């Protein structure tokens, strides 16, 4: 039995591990936006700013990476 897992949901393929260069690139991108990402406020404007920031980081990371797209 598959307890705790829906029977009709297909299992996703596991993504490849990050390479060292990808880790460093991600760290650098997050550092550029750390003032927004580390903001302690939890209002809707701050949440939307953080969500937009992560989308920008995702786009920049995927455009600079030679590996598979990550989200």
PDB file of N, CA and C in Angstrom:
ATOM      1  N   UNK A   1       0.822  -1.191   0.000  1.00  0.00           N
ATOM      2  CA  UNK A   1       0.000   0.000   0.000  1.00  0.00           C
ATOM      3  C   UNK A   1       0.863   1.250   0.000  1.00  0.00           C
ATOM      4  N   UNK A   2       0.371   2.280  -0.627  1.00  0.00           N
ATOM      5  CA  UNK A   2       1.050   3.575  -0.634  1.00  0.00           C
ATOM      6  C   UNK A   2       0.368   4.502   0.359  1.00  0.00           C
ATOM      7  N   UNK A   3       0.643   4.319   1.616  1.00  0.00           N
ATOM      8  CA  UNK A   3       0.026   5.153   2.633  1.00  0.00           C
ATOM      9  C   UNK A   3       0.586   6.561   2.570  1.00  0.00           C
ATOM     10  N   UNK A   4      -0.317   7.552   2.574  1.00  0.00           N
ATOM     11  CA  UNK A   4       0.109   8.940   2.560  1.00  0.00           C
ATOM     12  C   UNK A   4       0.373   9.503   1.178  1.00  0.00           C
ATOM     13  N   UNK A   5       0.285   8.687   0.123  1.00  0.00           N
ATOM     14  CA  UNK A   5       0.516   9.160  -1.244  1.00  0.00           C
ATOM     15  C   UNK A   5      -0.740   8.918  -2.070  1.00  0.00           C
ATOM     16  N   UNK A   6      -1.165   9.930  -2.827  1.00  0.00           N
ATOM     17  CA  UNK A   6      -2.316   9.712  -3.709  1.00  0.00           C
ATOM     18  C   UNK A   6      -1.984   8.664  -4.768  1.00  0.00           C
ATOM     19  N   UNK A   7      -2.919   7.794  -5.058  1.00  0.00           N
ATOM     20  CA  UNK A   7      -2.681   6.688  -5.984  1.00  0.00           C
ATOM     21  C   UNK A   7      -2.536   7.153  -7.427  1.00  0.00           C
ATOM     22  N   UNK A   8      -3.184   8.247  -7.794  1.00  0.00           N
ATOM     23  CA  UNK A   8      -3.187   8.668  -9.189  1.00  0.00           C
ATOM     24  C   UNK A   8      -2.153   9.742  -9.513  1.00  0.00           C
ATOM     25  N   UNK A   9      -1.356  10.154  -8.589  1.00  0.00           N
ATOM     26  CA  UNK A   9      -0.365  11.205  -8.820  1.00  0.00           C
ATOM     27  C   UNK A   9       0.958  10.577  -9.258  1.00  0.00           C
ATOM     28  N   UNK A  10       1.438  10.919 -10.474  1.00  0.00           N
ATOM     29  CA  UNK A  10       2.715  10.342 -10.923  1.00  0.00           C
ATOM     30  C   UNK A  10       3.883  10.903 -10.128  1.00  0.00           C
ATOM     31  N   UNK A  11       4.870  10.079  -9.913  1.00  0.00           N
ATOM     32  CA  UNK A  11       6.046  10.494  -9.158  1.00  0.00           C
ATOM     33  C   UNK A  11       6.960  11.318 -10.059  1.00  0.00           C
ATOM     34  N   UNK A  12       7.423  12.471  -9.536  1.00  0.00           N
ATOM     35  CA  UNK A  12       8.312  13.334 -10.307  1.00  0.00           C
ATOM     36  C   UNK A  12       9.712  12.755 -10.353  1.00  0.00           C
ATOM     37  N   UNK A  13      10.400  13.034 -11.459  1.00  0.00           N
ATOM     38  CA  UNK A  13      11.790  12.619 -11.595  1.00  0.00           C
ATOM     39  C   UNK A  13      12.646  13.541 -10.737  1.00  0.00           C
ATOM     40  N   UNK A  14      13.568  12.986 -10.008  1.00  0.00           N
ATOM     41  CA  UNK A  14      14.442  13.763  -9.132  1.00  0.00           C
ATOM     42  C   UNK A  14      15.423  14.567  -9.970  1.00  0.00           C
ATOM     43  N   UNK A  15      15.595  15.838  -9.611  1.00  0.00           N
ATOM     44  CA  UNK A  15      16.534  16.702 -10.326  1.00  0.00           C
ATOM     45  C   UNK A  15      17.971  16.328  -9.962  1.00  0.00           C
ATOM     46  N   UNK A  16      18.871  16.649 -10.859  1.00  0.00           N
ATOM     47  CA  UNK A  16      20.295  16.398 -10.633  1.00  0.00           C
ATOM     48  C   UNK A  16      20.793  17.312  -9.506  1.00  0.00           C
ATOM     49  N   UNK A  17      21.781  16.853  -8.762  1.00  0.00           N
ATOM     50  CA  UNK A  17      22.376  17.675  -7.714  1.00  0.00           C
ATOM     51  C   UNK A  17      23.030  18.908  -8.320  1.00  0.00           C
ATOM     52  N   UNK A  18      23.149  19.954  -7.508  1.00  0.00           N
ATOM     53  CA  UNK A  18      23.808  21.178  -7.956  1.00  0.00           C
ATOM     54  C   UNK A  18      25.312  20.942  -8.075  1.00  0.00           C
ATOM     55  N   UNK A  19      25.912  21.510  -9.124  1.00  0.00           N
ATOM     56  CA  UNK A  19      27.364  21.518  -9.250  1.00  0.00           C
ATOM     57  C   UNK A  19      27.907  22.640  -8.375  1.00  0.00           C
ATOM     58  N   UNK A  20      29.176  22.588  -8.029  1.00  0.00           N
ATOM     59  CA  UNK A  20      29.782  23.602  -7.166  1.00  0.00           C
ATOM     60  C   UNK A  20      29.635  25.001  -7.765  1.00  0.00           C
ATOM     61  N   UNK A  21      29.833  25.134  -9.067  1.00  0.00           N
ATOM     62  CA  UNK A  21      29.699  26.443  -9.725  1.00  0.00           C
ATOM     63  C   UNK A  21      28.263  26.960  -9.629  1.00  0.00           C
ATOM     64  N   UNK A  22      27.284  26.050  -9.727  1.00  0.00           N
ATOM     65  CA  UNK A  22      25.881  26.451  -9.599  1.00  0.00           C
ATOM     66  C   UNK A  22      25.578  26.915  -8.180  1.00  0.00           C
ATOM     67  N   UNK A  23      26.149  26.235  -7.194  1.00  0.00           N
ATOM     68  CA  UNK A  23      25.955  26.642  -5.798  1.00  0.00           C
ATOM     69  C   UNK A  23      26.477  28.053  -5.574  1.00  0.00           C
ATOM     70  N   UNK A  24      27.679  28.322  -6.086  1.00  0.00           N
ATOM     71  CA  UNK A  24      28.284  29.645  -5.904  1.00  0.00           C
ATOM     72  C   UNK A  24      27.471  30.720  -6.625  1.00  0.00           C
ATOM     73  N   UNK A  25      26.988  30.410  -7.821  1.00  0.00           N
ATOM     74  CA  UNK A  25      26.176  31.365  -8.567  1.00  0.00           C
ATOM     75  C   UNK A  25      24.885  31.671  -7.805  1.00  0.00           C
ATOM     76  N   UNK A  26      24.247  30.657  -7.257  1.00  0.00           N
ATOM     77  CA  UNK A  26      23.018  30.855  -6.502  1.00  0.00           C
ATOM     78  C   UNK A  26      23.279  31.678  -5.246  1.00  0.00           C
ATOM     79  N   UNK A  27      24.360  31.399  -4.552  1.00  0.00           N
ATOM     80  CA  UNK A  27      24.724  32.174  -3.362  1.00  0.00           C
ATOM     81  C   UNK A  27      24.920  33.638  -3.730  1.00  0.00           C
ATOM     82  N   UNK A  28      25.621  33.897  -4.832  1.00  0.00           N
ATOM     83  CA  UNK A  28      25.855  35.275  -5.261  1.00  0.00           C
ATOM     84  C   UNK A  28      24.554  35.983  -5.628  1.00  0.00           C
ATOM     85  N   UNK A  29      23.657  35.286  -6.304  1.00  0.00           N
ATOM     86  CA  UNK A  29      22.375  35.885  -6.665  1.00  0.00           C
ATOM     87  C   UNK A  29      21.543  36.205  -5.427  1.00  0.00           C
ATOM     88  N   UNK A  30      21.512  35.290  -4.476  1.00  0.00           N
ATOM     89  CA  UNK A  30      20.746  35.516  -3.248  1.00  0.00           C
ATOM     90  C   UNK A  30      21.343  36.676  -2.460  1.00  0.00           C
ATOM     91  N   UNK A  31      22.663  36.785  -2.428  1.00  0.00           N
ATOM     92  CA  UNK A  31      23.308  37.891  -1.715  1.00  0.00           C
ATOM     93  C   UNK A  31      22.934  39.239  -2.315  1.00  0.00           C
ATOM     94  N   UNK A  32      22.741  39.294  -3.631  1.00  0.00           N
ATOM     95  CA  UNK A  32      22.350  40.543  -4.278  1.00  0.00           C
ATOM     96  C   UNK A  32      20.973  41.011  -3.814  1.00  0.00           C
ATOM     97  N   UNK A  33      20.114  40.072  -3.450  1.00  0.00           N
ATOM     98  CA  UNK A  33      18.735  40.389  -3.073  1.00  0.00           C
ATOM     99  C   UNK A  33      18.451  40.113  -1.598  1.00  0.00           C
ATOM    100  N   UNK A  34      19.484  40.001  -0.789  1.00  0.00           N
ATOM    101  CA  UNK A  34      19.283  39.580   0.602  1.00  0.00           C
ATOM    102  C   UNK A  34      18.480  40.578   1.421  1.00  0.00           C
ATOM    103  N   UNK A  35      18.555  41.863   1.103  1.00  0.00           N
ATOM    104  CA  UNK A  35      17.776  42.844   1.861  1.00  0.00           C
ATOM    105  C   UNK A  35      16.277  42.586   1.721  1.00  0.00           C
ATOM    106  N   UNK A  36      15.858  42.189   0.544  1.00  0.00           N
ATOM    107  CA  UNK A  36      14.446  41.868   0.319  1.00  0.00           C
ATOM    108  C   UNK A  36      14.115  40.508   0.924  1.00  0.00           C
ATOM    109  N   UNK A  37      14.947  39.518   0.676  1.00  0.00           N
ATOM    110  CA  UNK A  37      14.665  38.150   1.108  1.00  0.00           C
ATOM    111  C   UNK A  37      14.690  37.983   2.619  1.00  0.00           C
ATOM    112  N   UNK A  38      15.528  38.754   3.309  1.00  0.00           N
ATOM    113  CA  UNK A  38      15.646  38.622   4.758  1.00  0.00           C
ATOM    114  C   UNK A  38      14.759  39.602   5.519  1.00  0.00           C
ATOM    115  N   UNK A  39      13.906  40.318   4.815  1.00  0.00           N
ATOM    116  CA  UNK A  39      12.981  41.244   5.463  1.00  0.00           C
ATOM    117  C   UNK A  39      12.044  40.455   6.376  1.00  0.00           C
ATOM    118  N   UNK A  40      11.929  40.867   7.621  1.00  0.00           N
ATOM    119  CA  UNK A  40      11.154  40.118   8.617  1.00  0.00           C
ATOM    120  C   UNK A  40       9.656  40.413   8.564  1.00  0.00           C
ATOM    121  N   UNK A  41       9.272  41.453   7.838  1.00  0.00           N
ATOM    122  CA  UNK A  41       7.848  41.789   7.762  1.00  0.00           C
ATOM    123  C   UNK A  41       7.102  40.697   7.011  1.00  0.00           C
ATOM    124  N   UNK A  42       5.823  40.539   7.334  1.00  0.00           N
ATOM    125  CA  UNK A  42       5.040  39.481   6.691  1.00  0.00           C
ATOM    126  C   UNK A  42       3.752  40.015   6.065  1.00  0.00           C
ATOM    127  N   UNK A  43       3.749  41.310   5.715  1.00  0.00           N
ATOM    128  CA  UNK A  43       2.562  41.864   5.075  1.00  0.00           C
ATOM    129  C   UNK A  43       2.509  41.443   3.609  1.00  0.00           C
ATOM    130  N   UNK A  44       1.398  41.730   2.958  1.00  0.00           N
ATOM    131  CA  UNK A  44       1.209  41.261   1.580  1.00  0.00           C
ATOM    132  C   UNK A  44       2.180  41.906   0.598  1.00  0.00           C
ATOM    133  N   UNK A  45       2.536  43.162   0.811  1.00  0.00           N
ATOM    134  CA  UNK A  45       3.476  43.842  -0.089  1.00  0.00           C
ATOM    135  C   UNK A  45       4.849  43.183   0.000  1.00  0.00           C
ATOM    136  N   UNK A  46       5.311  42.915   1.204  1.00  0.00           N
ATOM    137  CA  UNK A  46       6.610  42.270   1.396  1.00  0.00           C
ATOM    138  C   UNK A  46       6.608  40.863   0.806  1.00  0.00           C
ATOM    139  N   UNK A  47       5.524  40.136   1.010  1.00  0.00           N
ATOM    140  CA  UNK A  47       5.423  38.779   0.455  1.00  0.00           C
ATOM    141  C   UNK A  47       5.476  38.803  -1.067  1.00  0.00           C
ATOM    142  N   UNK A  48       4.798  39.761  -1.682  1.00  0.00           N
ATOM    143  CA  UNK A  48       4.829  39.876  -3.146  1.00  0.00           C
ATOM    144  C   UNK A  48       6.213  40.274  -3.628  1.00  0.00           C
ATOM    145  N   UNK A  49       6.876  41.165  -2.888  1.00  0.00           N
ATOM    146  CA  UNK A  49       8.245  41.555  -3.249  1.00  0.00           C
ATOM    147  C   UNK A  49       9.181  40.350  -3.208  1.00  0.00           C
ATOM    148  N   UNK A  50       9.045  39.527  -2.171  1.00  0.00           N
ATOM    149  CA  UNK A  50       9.885  38.333  -2.051  1.00  0.00           C
ATOM    150  C   UNK A  50       9.597  37.345  -3.181  1.00  0.00           C
ATOM    151  N   UNK A  51       8.323  37.172  -3.505  1.00  0.00           N
ATOM    152  CA  UNK A  51       7.954  36.254  -4.583  1.00  0.00           C
ATOM    153  C   UNK A  51       8.535  36.729  -5.915  1.00  0.00           C
ATOM    154  N   UNK A  52       8.435  38.030  -6.190  1.00  0.00           N
ATOM    155  CA  UNK A  52       9.018  38.592  -7.418  1.00  0.00           C
ATOM    156  C   UNK A  52      10.532  38.407  -7.423  1.00  0.00           C
ATOM    157  N   UNK A  53      11.142  38.619  -6.277  1.00  0.00           N
ATOM    158  CA  UNK A  53      12.589  38.488  -6.144  1.00  0.00           C
ATOM    159  C   UNK A  53      13.027  37.062  -6.467  1.00  0.00           C
ATOM    160  N   UNK A  54      12.322  36.058  -5.940  1.00  0.00           N
ATOM    161  CA  UNK A  54      12.670  34.670  -6.225  1.00  0.00           C
ATOM    162  C   UNK A  54      12.485  34.344  -7.701  1.00  0.00           C
ATOM    163  N   UNK A  55      11.469  34.933  -8.341  1.00  0.00           N
ATOM    164  CA  UNK A  55      11.271  34.718  -9.780  1.00  0.00           C
ATOM    165  C   UNK A  55      12.439  35.299 -10.574  1.00  0.00           C
ATOM    166  N   UNK A  56      12.926  36.474 -10.166  1.00  0.00           N
ATOM    167  CA  UNK A  56      14.082  37.093 -10.827  1.00  0.00           C
ATOM    168  C   UNK A  56      15.311  36.208 -10.646  1.00  0.00           C
ATOM    169  N   UNK A  57      15.530  35.731  -9.424  1.00  0.00           N
ATOM    170  CA  UNK A  57      16.673  34.853  -9.149  1.00  0.00           C
ATOM    171  C   UNK A  57      16.568  33.579  -9.985  1.00  0.00           C
ATOM    172  N   UNK A  58      15.373  32.997 -10.042  1.00  0.00           N
ATOM    173  CA  UNK A  58      15.163  31.786 -10.848  1.00  0.00           C
ATOM    174  C   UNK A  58      15.505  32.050 -12.312  1.00  0.00           C
ATOM    175  N   UNK A  59      15.017  33.165 -12.853  1.00  0.00           N
ATOM    176  CA  UNK A  59      15.279  33.501 -14.259  1.00  0.00           C
ATOM    177  C   UNK A  59      16.775  33.717 -14.503  1.00  0.00           C
ATOM    178  N   UNK A  60      17.420  34.494 -13.641  1.00  0.00           N
ATOM    179  CA  UNK A  60      18.849  34.764 -13.804  1.00  0.00           C
ATOM    180  C   UNK A  60      19.672  33.480 -13.682  1.00  0.00           C
ATOM    181  N   UNK A  61      19.338  32.662 -12.702  1.00  0.00           N
ATOM    182  CA  UNK A  61      20.069  31.408 -12.496  1.00  0.00           C
ATOM    183  C   UNK A  61      19.942  30.509 -13.721  1.00  0.00           C
ATOM    184  N   UNK A  62      18.713  30.315 -14.201  1.00  0.00           N
ATOM    185  CA  UNK A  62      18.495  29.424 -15.341  1.00  0.00           C
ATOM    186  C   UNK A  62      19.112  29.971 -16.623  1.00  0.00           C
ATOM    187  N   UNK A  63      19.153  31.299 -16.769  1.00  0.00           N
ATOM    188  CA  UNK A  63      19.741  31.867 -17.981  1.00  0.00           C
ATOM    189  C   UNK A  63      21.265  31.764 -17.977  1.00  0.00           C
ATOM    190  N   UNK A  64      21.869  31.709 -16.801  1.00  0.00           N
ATOM    191  CA  UNK A  64      23.329  31.631 -16.696  1.00  0.00           C
ATOM    192  C   UNK A  64      23.844  30.206 -16.539  1.00  0.00           C
ATOM    193  N   UNK A  65      22.971  29.292 -16.181  1.00  0.00           N
ATOM    194  CA  UNK A  65      23.370  27.911 -15.928  1.00  0.00           C
ATOM    195  C   UNK A  65      23.374  27.107 -17.225  1.00  0.00           C
ATOM    196  N   UNK A  66      24.322  26.194 -17.327  1.00  0.00           N
ATOM    197  CA  UNK A  66      24.383  25.335 -18.513  1.00  0.00           C
ATOM    198  C   UNK A  66      23.642  24.018 -18.287  1.00  0.00           C
ATOM    199  N   UNK A  67      23.203  23.790 -17.059  1.00  0.00           N
ATOM    200  CA  UNK A  67      22.501  22.550 -16.735  1.00  0.00           C
ATOM    201  C   UNK A  67      21.014  22.669 -16.985  1.00  0.00           C
ATOM    202  N   UNK A  68      20.252  21.788 -16.346  1.00  0.00           N
ATOM    203  CA  UNK A  68      18.809  21.794 -16.522  1.00  0.00           C
ATOM    204  C   UNK A  68      18.185  22.977 -15.789  1.00  0.00           C
ATOM    205  N   UNK A  69      16.997  23.399 -16.235  1.00  0.00           N
ATOM    206  CA  UNK A  69      16.297  24.514 -15.589  1.00  0.00           C
ATOM    207  C   UNK A  69      15.829  24.088 -14.207  1.00  0.00           C
ATOM    208  N   UNK A  70      15.928  25.006 -13.288  1.00  0.00           N
ATOM    209  CA  UNK A  70      15.500  24.745 -11.905  1.00  0.00           C
ATOM    210  C   UNK A  70      14.435  25.757 -11.533  1.00  0.00           C
ATOM    211  N   UNK A  71      13.574  25.354 -10.608  1.00  0.00           N
ATOM    212  CA  UNK A  71      12.560  26.286 -10.123  1.00  0.00           C
ATOM    213  C   UNK A  71      12.400  26.184  -8.638  1.00  0.00           C
TER     214      UNK A  71
END
